[in-house]
Every structure is written in C-alpha cells, then in structure tokens.
Amino acid sequence: MAEHGFDTLTVIGLGYVGLPTAAIFANRGLDVVGVDTNVDVVDMINRGEVHTVEPDLDKIVQDAVSKGSLRAATVPEVADAFIIAVPTPFTDEDHKPDLGYLMAATESLAPVLKAGDLIIVESTVPVGTTKAVSVRLAALCPELTFPHDNDAPDIHIAHSPERVLPGQVIAE
C-alpha cells in the first residue's frame, strides 16, 4: 500500500475539476479511474486527449494514460478511495443547488464499495449533504456501516470543497 494509505482512486466527474484532479493523482503514482457518463469524454481521455481548456493538462493526461496510471470508464470500479466532483447547478425555481448529479454519482458507488473505503465529496454542496450521502449509501449497502450511524464506520465520508479556479487547477 502506498504511503498515503491507498493505491487506487476513482474520480467521478471528469470536468474542469475532476479531470485535472484525476490526472495529478495518476502522475503521483496512484492507479486512477476517471468516471464520466459522457462516452465521448471517456473515449477522448482513453486516447490521451482532453476536452477542457487548462494549460498543460493535455500533457499531464497524455503522460498518465501512456504510463497506464489513468484510464476512463462510464461506471465506477473498485478502488480504495473515491472523489465525487460533479456539478451542483442552481435550480431555476428556488435557486437551491440541484443535487441530482451528486446523488446519481453516490448511487453509482454502491456496487463497488467495500469496508475501509474513503469517499470525498468535492462538489460544492450545502450543509448536511455528506450526511445525506451516508444515509443514501446505507440504504443501498446494508452490509456496510456508515458515519451517520456508527462511530467506527466501514466507509469514511468527507467533504473537501473545491478551492480551485476551473481552468487553472494545474497552475494552482
């Protein structure tokens, strides 16, 4: 196991934050799978190409793909850690964040979760969202324990809000 406690990482959402995050971890020695629902994005990344504008990201992705440390898929795979970096746009009606993409990403993890996994929500979310993620996964994975109802859970969940400027992640 790597010095940081995990060897494999799945990043869900390969946009302006998720793709640079995945590529940086892949170039630091982790085995990274980037997940996106857009098949064209997945195919581009697997060819070592990028679909976002970010200085130097194309080279970093190309290097990681050619080394075999980064690949993309449309569904999550078993990993030691997961980062969810999907959009949370505001709804038109009441200007509250739409957590639909986040909850869909959360639910997509259920088939691959195992005891000891770490889930990091990087999307911008309101207070209480990590608990909602925990509650939803507990309903889908009754064989595992989660932080909202156990002091020593099988699955660890954290929120690390993005603190980067999209398009400038590499520079920052």
N, C-alpha and C. Protein backbone atom coordinates (compact mmCIF):
# COMPACT_ATOMS: atom_id res chain seq x y z
N MET A 1 0.84 -1.18 0.00
CA MET A 1 0.00 0.00 0.00
C MET A 1 0.88 1.24 0.00
N ALA A 2 0.46 2.25 -0.70
CA ALA A 2 1.21 3.49 -0.82
C ALA A 2 1.29 4.21 0.53
N GLU A 3 2.23 5.14 0.63
CA GLU A 3 2.44 5.86 1.89
C GLU A 3 1.23 6.67 2.33
N HIS A 4 0.35 7.02 1.42
CA HIS A 4 -0.82 7.82 1.74
C HIS A 4 -2.01 6.98 2.14
N GLY A 5 -1.88 5.66 2.17
CA GLY A 5 -2.95 4.81 2.66
C GLY A 5 -3.83 4.19 1.60
N PHE A 6 -3.68 4.57 0.35
CA PHE A 6 -4.46 3.93 -0.70
C PHE A 6 -3.67 3.91 -2.00
N ASP A 7 -3.99 2.92 -2.82
CA ASP A 7 -3.29 2.74 -4.09
C ASP A 7 -4.17 3.06 -5.29
N THR A 8 -5.47 2.90 -5.12
CA THR A 8 -6.39 3.08 -6.24
C THR A 8 -7.40 4.18 -5.92
N LEU A 9 -7.72 4.94 -6.95
CA LEU A 9 -8.62 6.08 -6.80
C LEU A 9 -9.57 6.11 -7.98
N THR A 10 -10.83 6.37 -7.69
CA THR A 10 -11.81 6.61 -8.74
C THR A 10 -12.31 8.04 -8.57
N VAL A 11 -12.25 8.81 -9.64
CA VAL A 11 -12.76 10.19 -9.64
C VAL A 11 -14.01 10.21 -10.51
N ILE A 12 -15.12 10.58 -9.91
CA ILE A 12 -16.39 10.63 -10.64
C ILE A 12 -16.66 12.06 -11.06
N GLY A 13 -16.75 12.26 -12.37
CA GLY A 13 -16.94 13.58 -12.94
C GLY A 13 -15.63 14.07 -13.50
N LEU A 14 -15.51 14.08 -14.82
CA LEU A 14 -14.24 14.44 -15.46
C LEU A 14 -14.33 15.79 -16.16
N GLY A 15 -14.81 16.77 -15.44
CA GLY A 15 -14.90 18.13 -15.97
C GLY A 15 -13.69 18.95 -15.57
N TYR A 16 -13.92 20.25 -15.38
CA TYR A 16 -12.84 21.19 -15.11
C TYR A 16 -12.11 20.95 -13.80
N VAL A 17 -12.73 20.29 -12.85
CA VAL A 17 -12.08 19.97 -11.58
C VAL A 17 -11.69 18.50 -11.53
N GLY A 18 -12.58 17.61 -11.92
CA GLY A 18 -12.33 16.18 -11.80
C GLY A 18 -11.19 15.67 -12.67
N LEU A 19 -11.13 16.11 -13.93
CA LEU A 19 -10.07 15.60 -14.81
C LEU A 19 -8.68 16.02 -14.34
N PRO A 20 -8.44 17.30 -14.03
CA PRO A 20 -7.11 17.64 -13.51
C PRO A 20 -6.77 16.91 -12.21
N THR A 21 -7.76 16.74 -11.35
CA THR A 21 -7.54 16.02 -10.09
C THR A 21 -7.13 14.59 -10.38
N ALA A 22 -7.85 13.92 -11.26
CA ALA A 22 -7.52 12.54 -11.62
C ALA A 22 -6.12 12.45 -12.22
N ALA A 23 -5.80 13.35 -13.13
CA ALA A 23 -4.50 13.32 -13.81
C ALA A 23 -3.35 13.57 -12.85
N ILE A 24 -3.53 14.49 -11.92
CA ILE A 24 -2.47 14.78 -10.95
C ILE A 24 -2.21 13.57 -10.06
N PHE A 25 -3.27 12.96 -9.54
CA PHE A 25 -3.08 11.77 -8.71
C PHE A 25 -2.44 10.64 -9.52
N ALA A 26 -2.84 10.48 -10.78
CA ALA A 26 -2.27 9.42 -11.62
C ALA A 26 -0.78 9.65 -11.84
N ASN A 27 -0.38 10.89 -11.99
CA ASN A 27 1.03 11.19 -12.19
C ASN A 27 1.83 11.15 -10.90
N ARG A 28 1.15 10.98 -9.77
CA ARG A 28 1.82 10.82 -8.47
C ARG A 28 1.90 9.36 -8.05
N GLY A 29 1.54 8.45 -8.97
CA GLY A 29 1.74 7.04 -8.70
C GLY A 29 0.51 6.23 -8.36
N LEU A 30 -0.65 6.87 -8.27
CA LEU A 30 -1.86 6.10 -8.00
C LEU A 30 -2.42 5.51 -9.29
N ASP A 31 -3.13 4.41 -9.15
CA ASP A 31 -3.88 3.83 -10.25
C ASP A 31 -5.25 4.51 -10.22
N VAL A 32 -5.55 5.32 -11.23
CA VAL A 32 -6.75 6.16 -11.22
C VAL A 32 -7.69 5.78 -12.36
N VAL A 33 -8.96 5.65 -12.00
CA VAL A 33 -10.02 5.50 -13.00
C VAL A 33 -10.88 6.75 -12.90
N GLY A 34 -11.00 7.44 -14.01
CA GLY A 34 -11.90 8.59 -14.09
C GLY A 34 -13.22 8.14 -14.66
N VAL A 35 -14.31 8.57 -14.06
CA VAL A 35 -15.63 8.13 -14.50
C VAL A 35 -16.43 9.33 -14.99
N ASP A 36 -17.04 9.15 -16.15
CA ASP A 36 -17.92 10.17 -16.69
C ASP A 36 -19.05 9.49 -17.45
N THR A 37 -20.22 10.08 -17.44
CA THR A 37 -21.35 9.48 -18.15
C THR A 37 -21.30 9.77 -19.64
N ASN A 38 -20.47 10.71 -20.06
CA ASN A 38 -20.34 11.07 -21.47
C ASN A 38 -19.32 10.14 -22.14
N VAL A 39 -19.79 9.26 -22.99
CA VAL A 39 -18.92 8.28 -23.65
C VAL A 39 -17.85 8.97 -24.49
N ASP A 40 -18.17 10.09 -25.12
CA ASP A 40 -17.18 10.80 -25.93
C ASP A 40 -16.02 11.30 -25.06
N VAL A 41 -16.33 11.80 -23.88
CA VAL A 41 -15.29 12.25 -22.95
C VAL A 41 -14.43 11.07 -22.52
N VAL A 42 -15.05 9.96 -22.19
CA VAL A 42 -14.32 8.75 -21.79
C VAL A 42 -13.38 8.31 -22.90
N ASP A 43 -13.88 8.26 -24.13
CA ASP A 43 -13.05 7.84 -25.27
C ASP A 43 -11.88 8.79 -25.49
N MET A 44 -12.13 10.10 -25.40
CA MET A 44 -11.04 11.08 -25.58
C MET A 44 -9.95 10.88 -24.54
N ILE A 45 -10.33 10.75 -23.30
CA ILE A 45 -9.34 10.59 -22.24
C ILE A 45 -8.55 9.31 -22.43
N ASN A 46 -9.21 8.23 -22.81
CA ASN A 46 -8.50 6.97 -23.03
C ASN A 46 -7.54 7.05 -24.21
N ARG A 47 -7.72 8.03 -25.09
CA ARG A 47 -6.76 8.28 -26.18
C ARG A 47 -5.67 9.26 -25.74
N GLY A 48 -5.77 9.73 -24.50
CA GLY A 48 -4.79 10.69 -24.00
C GLY A 48 -5.09 12.12 -24.40
N GLU A 49 -6.34 12.39 -24.76
CA GLU A 49 -6.76 13.72 -25.17
C GLU A 49 -7.63 14.34 -24.08
N VAL A 50 -7.78 15.66 -24.13
CA VAL A 50 -8.63 16.35 -23.15
C VAL A 50 -9.74 17.11 -23.85
N HIS A 51 -10.81 17.36 -23.13
CA HIS A 51 -11.96 18.07 -23.67
C HIS A 51 -12.19 19.41 -22.97
N THR A 52 -11.33 19.76 -22.04
CA THR A 52 -11.44 21.02 -21.33
C THR A 52 -10.22 21.88 -21.62
N VAL A 53 -10.35 23.17 -21.37
CA VAL A 53 -9.24 24.09 -21.59
C VAL A 53 -8.54 24.32 -20.26
N GLU A 54 -7.29 23.89 -20.21
CA GLU A 54 -6.48 24.00 -18.99
C GLU A 54 -5.03 23.93 -19.42
N PRO A 55 -4.24 24.97 -19.15
CA PRO A 55 -2.83 24.93 -19.54
C PRO A 55 -2.12 23.70 -18.99
N ASP A 56 -1.41 22.99 -19.86
CA ASP A 56 -0.58 21.82 -19.54
C ASP A 56 -1.36 20.56 -19.18
N LEU A 57 -2.68 20.63 -19.10
CA LEU A 57 -3.45 19.43 -18.75
C LEU A 57 -3.32 18.36 -19.81
N ASP A 58 -3.26 18.76 -21.08
CA ASP A 58 -3.16 17.76 -22.15
C ASP A 58 -1.92 16.90 -21.99
N LYS A 59 -0.79 17.51 -21.66
CA LYS A 59 0.45 16.73 -21.48
C LYS A 59 0.36 15.82 -20.26
N ILE A 60 -0.20 16.33 -19.17
CA ILE A 60 -0.31 15.53 -17.95
C ILE A 60 -1.21 14.33 -18.17
N VAL A 61 -2.35 14.53 -18.84
CA VAL A 61 -3.25 13.42 -19.14
C VAL A 61 -2.58 12.43 -20.08
N GLN A 62 -1.94 12.94 -21.13
CA GLN A 62 -1.27 12.05 -22.09
C GLN A 62 -0.20 11.21 -21.39
N ASP A 63 0.59 11.82 -20.51
CA ASP A 63 1.62 11.08 -19.78
C ASP A 63 1.00 9.99 -18.90
N ALA A 64 -0.05 10.34 -18.17
CA ALA A 64 -0.69 9.38 -17.27
C ALA A 64 -1.32 8.23 -18.03
N VAL A 65 -1.97 8.53 -19.14
CA VAL A 65 -2.60 7.48 -19.95
C VAL A 65 -1.53 6.58 -20.56
N SER A 66 -0.45 7.17 -21.06
CA SER A 66 0.60 6.35 -21.68
C SER A 66 1.32 5.48 -20.66
N LYS A 67 1.42 5.94 -19.40
CA LYS A 67 2.02 5.13 -18.33
C LYS A 67 1.06 4.06 -17.82
N GLY A 68 -0.21 4.19 -18.17
CA GLY A 68 -1.20 3.22 -17.70
C GLY A 68 -1.75 3.53 -16.31
N SER A 69 -1.45 4.71 -15.78
CA SER A 69 -1.93 5.05 -14.44
C SER A 69 -3.27 5.78 -14.46
N LEU A 70 -3.74 6.17 -15.64
CA LEU A 70 -5.04 6.83 -15.77
C LEU A 70 -5.81 6.22 -16.93
N ARG A 71 -7.04 5.87 -16.64
CA ARG A 71 -7.96 5.44 -17.69
C ARG A 71 -9.34 5.91 -17.31
N ALA A 72 -10.21 5.94 -18.29
CA ALA A 72 -11.57 6.44 -18.05
C ALA A 72 -12.58 5.35 -18.33
N ALA A 73 -13.73 5.45 -17.66
CA ALA A 73 -14.81 4.48 -17.80
C ALA A 73 -16.14 5.20 -17.57
N THR A 74 -17.22 4.52 -17.89
CA THR A 74 -18.54 5.12 -17.69
C THR A 74 -19.18 4.71 -16.37
N VAL A 75 -18.60 3.75 -15.69
CA VAL A 75 -19.11 3.32 -14.38
C VAL A 75 -17.93 3.17 -13.41
N PRO A 76 -18.17 3.41 -12.12
CA PRO A 76 -17.09 3.25 -11.14
C PRO A 76 -16.60 1.82 -11.04
N GLU A 77 -15.35 1.69 -10.64
CA GLU A 77 -14.73 0.40 -10.40
C GLU A 77 -14.26 0.36 -8.95
N VAL A 78 -13.97 -0.83 -8.47
CA VAL A 78 -13.47 -0.99 -7.10
C VAL A 78 -12.21 -0.13 -6.93
N ALA A 79 -12.15 0.59 -5.82
CA ALA A 79 -11.00 1.43 -5.51
C ALA A 79 -10.90 1.56 -3.99
N ASP A 80 -9.79 2.13 -3.55
CA ASP A 80 -9.61 2.40 -2.12
C ASP A 80 -10.24 3.73 -1.72
N ALA A 81 -10.28 4.66 -2.67
CA ALA A 81 -10.82 6.00 -2.40
C ALA A 81 -11.59 6.48 -3.63
N PHE A 82 -12.57 7.33 -3.36
CA PHE A 82 -13.42 7.88 -4.42
C PHE A 82 -13.55 9.38 -4.20
N ILE A 83 -13.43 10.13 -5.27
CA ILE A 83 -13.68 11.57 -5.23
C ILE A 83 -14.86 11.84 -6.14
N ILE A 84 -15.86 12.52 -5.60
CA ILE A 84 -17.02 12.91 -6.40
C ILE A 84 -16.87 14.39 -6.73
N ALA A 85 -16.72 14.68 -8.02
CA ALA A 85 -16.52 16.06 -8.49
C ALA A 85 -17.50 16.34 -9.64
N VAL A 86 -18.77 16.33 -9.31
CA VAL A 86 -19.80 16.54 -10.32
C VAL A 86 -20.48 17.90 -10.09
N PRO A 87 -21.13 18.43 -11.12
CA PRO A 87 -21.78 19.74 -10.97
C PRO A 87 -22.95 19.71 -9.98
N THR A 88 -23.15 20.83 -9.32
CA THR A 88 -24.33 21.03 -8.47
C THR A 88 -24.92 22.39 -8.85
N PRO A 89 -25.53 22.46 -10.03
CA PRO A 89 -26.05 23.75 -10.50
C PRO A 89 -27.24 24.21 -9.65
N PHE A 90 -27.52 25.49 -9.71
CA PHE A 90 -28.69 26.01 -9.02
C PHE A 90 -29.95 25.70 -9.82
N THR A 91 -31.03 25.42 -9.11
CA THR A 91 -32.31 25.22 -9.78
C THR A 91 -32.86 26.60 -10.17
N ASP A 92 -33.64 26.64 -11.22
CA ASP A 92 -34.21 27.91 -11.67
C ASP A 92 -35.30 28.41 -10.74
N GLU A 93 -36.07 27.47 -10.19
CA GLU A 93 -37.24 27.85 -9.40
C GLU A 93 -36.88 28.55 -8.09
N ASP A 94 -36.06 27.92 -7.28
CA ASP A 94 -35.81 28.44 -5.94
C ASP A 94 -34.34 28.74 -5.65
N HIS A 95 -33.51 28.65 -6.66
CA HIS A 95 -32.08 28.97 -6.54
C HIS A 95 -31.36 28.13 -5.49
N LYS A 96 -31.81 26.91 -5.30
CA LYS A 96 -31.13 25.97 -4.41
C LYS A 96 -30.29 25.04 -5.28
N PRO A 97 -29.23 24.46 -4.72
CA PRO A 97 -28.41 23.56 -5.54
C PRO A 97 -29.18 22.29 -5.91
N ASP A 98 -29.01 21.89 -7.15
CA ASP A 98 -29.60 20.65 -7.64
C ASP A 98 -28.60 19.54 -7.34
N LEU A 99 -28.93 18.67 -6.42
CA LEU A 99 -28.02 17.59 -6.01
C LEU A 99 -28.25 16.31 -6.80
N GLY A 100 -28.97 16.39 -7.90
CA GLY A 100 -29.27 15.21 -8.71
C GLY A 100 -28.03 14.49 -9.22
N TYR A 101 -27.08 15.25 -9.77
CA TYR A 101 -25.85 14.63 -10.28
C TYR A 101 -25.06 14.00 -9.14
N LEU A 102 -25.02 14.69 -8.01
CA LEU A 102 -24.29 14.17 -6.86
C LEU A 102 -24.90 12.88 -6.34
N MET A 103 -26.21 12.84 -6.23
CA MET A 103 -26.85 11.63 -5.72
C MET A 103 -26.75 10.49 -6.73
N ALA A 104 -26.79 10.79 -8.02
CA ALA A 104 -26.60 9.75 -9.03
C ALA A 104 -25.18 9.18 -8.93
N ALA A 105 -24.19 10.05 -8.74
CA ALA A 105 -22.81 9.59 -8.57
C ALA A 105 -22.69 8.75 -7.31
N THR A 106 -23.32 9.20 -6.24
CA THR A 106 -23.32 8.46 -4.97
C THR A 106 -23.88 7.07 -5.17
N GLU A 107 -25.03 6.98 -5.79
CA GLU A 107 -25.68 5.68 -6.00
C GLU A 107 -24.84 4.77 -6.89
N SER A 108 -24.08 5.35 -7.82
CA SER A 108 -23.25 4.52 -8.71
C SER A 108 -22.12 3.84 -7.96
N LEU A 109 -21.79 4.33 -6.76
CA LEU A 109 -20.72 3.72 -5.96
C LEU A 109 -21.16 2.45 -5.23
N ALA A 110 -22.44 2.33 -4.97
CA ALA A 110 -22.94 1.22 -4.14
C ALA A 110 -22.43 -0.15 -4.56
N PRO A 111 -22.42 -0.50 -5.84
CA PRO A 111 -21.98 -1.85 -6.21
C PRO A 111 -20.49 -2.14 -5.97
N VAL A 112 -19.68 -1.09 -5.80
CA VAL A 112 -18.23 -1.33 -5.70
C VAL A 112 -17.65 -1.00 -4.33
N LEU A 113 -18.47 -0.53 -3.39
CA LEU A 113 -17.95 -0.18 -2.07
C LEU A 113 -17.58 -1.40 -1.25
N LYS A 114 -16.52 -1.24 -0.45
CA LYS A 114 -16.08 -2.29 0.47
C LYS A 114 -15.58 -1.61 1.75
N ALA A 115 -15.53 -2.36 2.81
CA ALA A 115 -15.07 -1.82 4.09
C ALA A 115 -13.69 -1.19 3.93
N GLY A 116 -13.51 -0.03 4.54
CA GLY A 116 -12.24 0.68 4.50
C GLY A 116 -12.17 1.76 3.44
N ASP A 117 -13.16 1.84 2.57
CA ASP A 117 -13.15 2.84 1.50
C ASP A 117 -13.37 4.25 2.05
N LEU A 118 -12.82 5.21 1.31
CA LEU A 118 -12.98 6.63 1.61
C LEU A 118 -13.71 7.29 0.45
N ILE A 119 -14.74 8.07 0.76
CA ILE A 119 -15.46 8.84 -0.25
C ILE A 119 -15.28 10.31 0.09
N ILE A 120 -14.80 11.08 -0.87
CA ILE A 120 -14.63 12.52 -0.68
C ILE A 120 -15.56 13.24 -1.64
N VAL A 121 -16.46 14.03 -1.09
CA VAL A 121 -17.35 14.86 -1.90
C VAL A 121 -16.63 16.18 -2.14
N GLU A 122 -16.26 16.43 -3.39
CA GLU A 122 -15.56 17.67 -3.72
C GLU A 122 -16.50 18.70 -4.33
N SER A 123 -17.65 18.27 -4.76
CA SER A 123 -18.64 19.18 -5.32
C SER A 123 -19.04 20.23 -4.28
N THR A 124 -19.45 21.39 -4.76
CA THR A 124 -19.94 22.43 -3.87
C THR A 124 -21.35 22.05 -3.43
N VAL A 125 -21.51 21.86 -2.12
CA VAL A 125 -22.79 21.36 -1.60
C VAL A 125 -23.17 22.09 -0.32
N PRO A 126 -24.47 22.10 0.01
CA PRO A 126 -24.91 22.73 1.26
C PRO A 126 -24.62 21.86 2.48
N VAL A 127 -24.70 22.47 3.63
CA VAL A 127 -24.53 21.77 4.90
C VAL A 127 -25.51 20.60 4.96
N GLY A 128 -25.03 19.46 5.44
CA GLY A 128 -25.88 18.28 5.59
C GLY A 128 -25.79 17.30 4.44
N THR A 129 -25.08 17.67 3.37
CA THR A 129 -25.04 16.80 2.19
C THR A 129 -24.22 15.54 2.44
N THR A 130 -23.11 15.63 3.16
CA THR A 130 -22.35 14.40 3.40
C THR A 130 -23.17 13.42 4.22
N LYS A 131 -23.98 13.91 5.13
CA LYS A 131 -24.87 13.01 5.88
C LYS A 131 -25.90 12.39 4.93
N ALA A 132 -26.44 13.17 4.01
CA ALA A 132 -27.39 12.64 3.03
C ALA A 132 -26.74 11.56 2.17
N VAL A 133 -25.48 11.76 1.80
CA VAL A 133 -24.73 10.74 1.04
C VAL A 133 -24.60 9.48 1.88
N SER A 134 -24.25 9.64 3.14
CA SER A 134 -24.10 8.50 4.05
C SER A 134 -25.41 7.73 4.20
N VAL A 135 -26.50 8.45 4.42
CA VAL A 135 -27.81 7.82 4.60
C VAL A 135 -28.22 7.06 3.33
N ARG A 136 -28.00 7.69 2.17
CA ARG A 136 -28.39 7.03 0.91
C ARG A 136 -27.58 5.76 0.69
N LEU A 137 -26.28 5.82 0.91
CA LEU A 137 -25.45 4.63 0.70
C LEU A 137 -25.78 3.54 1.71
N ALA A 138 -26.12 3.92 2.93
CA ALA A 138 -26.50 2.92 3.93
C ALA A 138 -27.74 2.16 3.48
N ALA A 139 -28.67 2.84 2.84
CA ALA A 139 -29.88 2.18 2.34
C ALA A 139 -29.55 1.22 1.20
N LEU A 140 -28.54 1.57 0.41
CA LEU A 140 -28.16 0.74 -0.74
C LEU A 140 -27.18 -0.38 -0.37
N CYS A 141 -26.44 -0.20 0.72
CA CYS A 141 -25.40 -1.15 1.14
C CYS A 141 -25.60 -1.52 2.61
N PRO A 142 -26.65 -2.27 2.94
CA PRO A 142 -26.93 -2.56 4.34
C PRO A 142 -25.86 -3.41 5.02
N GLU A 143 -25.00 -4.04 4.25
CA GLU A 143 -23.94 -4.87 4.83
C GLU A 143 -22.77 -4.04 5.36
N LEU A 144 -22.75 -2.74 5.06
CA LEU A 144 -21.68 -1.85 5.49
C LEU A 144 -22.22 -0.83 6.49
N THR A 145 -21.32 -0.30 7.33
CA THR A 145 -21.73 0.75 8.25
C THR A 145 -21.18 2.09 7.75
N PHE A 146 -21.91 3.15 8.10
CA PHE A 146 -21.59 4.49 7.59
C PHE A 146 -21.53 5.49 8.73
N PRO A 147 -20.87 6.63 8.51
CA PRO A 147 -20.60 7.58 9.59
C PRO A 147 -21.83 8.16 10.28
N HIS A 148 -22.95 8.25 9.62
CA HIS A 148 -24.12 8.89 10.25
C HIS A 148 -24.72 8.05 11.36
N ASP A 149 -24.38 6.75 11.41
CA ASP A 149 -24.99 5.90 12.45
C ASP A 149 -23.99 4.99 13.16
N ASN A 150 -22.69 5.28 13.04
CA ASN A 150 -21.70 4.40 13.64
C ASN A 150 -20.44 5.20 13.93
N ASP A 151 -19.89 5.04 15.12
CA ASP A 151 -18.66 5.75 15.48
C ASP A 151 -17.42 5.13 14.86
N ALA A 152 -17.52 3.89 14.41
CA ALA A 152 -16.41 3.22 13.74
C ALA A 152 -16.92 2.62 12.43
N PRO A 153 -17.24 3.49 11.46
CA PRO A 153 -17.88 3.01 10.23
C PRO A 153 -16.93 2.24 9.32
N ASP A 154 -17.53 1.38 8.49
CA ASP A 154 -16.77 0.68 7.45
C ASP A 154 -16.35 1.65 6.35
N ILE A 155 -17.21 2.60 6.05
CA ILE A 155 -16.98 3.57 4.98
C ILE A 155 -16.77 4.95 5.59
N HIS A 156 -15.77 5.66 5.12
CA HIS A 156 -15.48 7.00 5.61
C HIS A 156 -15.90 8.01 4.54
N ILE A 157 -16.55 9.07 4.97
CA ILE A 157 -17.04 10.08 4.04
C ILE A 157 -16.59 11.45 4.51
N ALA A 158 -16.05 12.24 3.58
CA ALA A 158 -15.57 13.58 3.90
C ALA A 158 -16.01 14.56 2.82
N HIS A 159 -15.98 15.83 3.18
CA HIS A 159 -16.23 16.87 2.20
C HIS A 159 -14.99 17.73 2.10
N SER A 160 -14.49 17.88 0.90
CA SER A 160 -13.34 18.74 0.64
C SER A 160 -13.75 19.69 -0.47
N PRO A 161 -14.32 20.83 -0.12
CA PRO A 161 -14.83 21.72 -1.16
C PRO A 161 -13.73 22.18 -2.10
N GLU A 162 -14.09 22.26 -3.37
CA GLU A 162 -13.09 22.70 -4.34
C GLU A 162 -12.64 24.11 -4.01
N ARG A 163 -11.37 24.29 -4.00
CA ARG A 163 -10.78 25.59 -3.70
C ARG A 163 -9.87 25.99 -4.86
N VAL A 164 -10.32 25.70 -6.06
CA VAL A 164 -9.52 25.98 -7.24
C VAL A 164 -10.36 26.77 -8.23
N LEU A 165 -9.68 27.41 -9.13
CA LEU A 165 -10.34 28.12 -10.21
C LEU A 165 -10.37 27.18 -11.41
N PRO A 166 -11.56 26.74 -11.84
CA PRO A 166 -11.62 25.84 -13.00
C PRO A 166 -10.87 26.44 -14.19
N GLY A 167 -10.07 25.62 -14.83
CA GLY A 167 -9.22 26.08 -15.93
C GLY A 167 -7.84 26.49 -15.47
N GLN A 168 -7.64 26.56 -14.14
CA GLN A 168 -6.35 26.94 -13.57
C GLN A 168 -5.92 25.96 -12.48
N VAL A 169 -6.48 24.77 -12.48
CA VAL A 169 -6.20 23.78 -11.42
C VAL A 169 -4.73 23.41 -11.40
N ILE A 170 -4.14 23.17 -12.55
CA ILE A 170 -2.73 22.77 -12.62
C ILE A 170 -1.84 23.88 -12.06
N ALA A 171 -2.10 25.10 -12.46
CA ALA A 171 -1.28 26.23 -12.00
C ALA A 171 -1.40 26.45 -10.51
N GLU A 172 -2.60 26.21 -9.97
CA GLU A 172 -2.81 26.44 -8.55
C GLU A 172 -2.24 25.30 -7.74
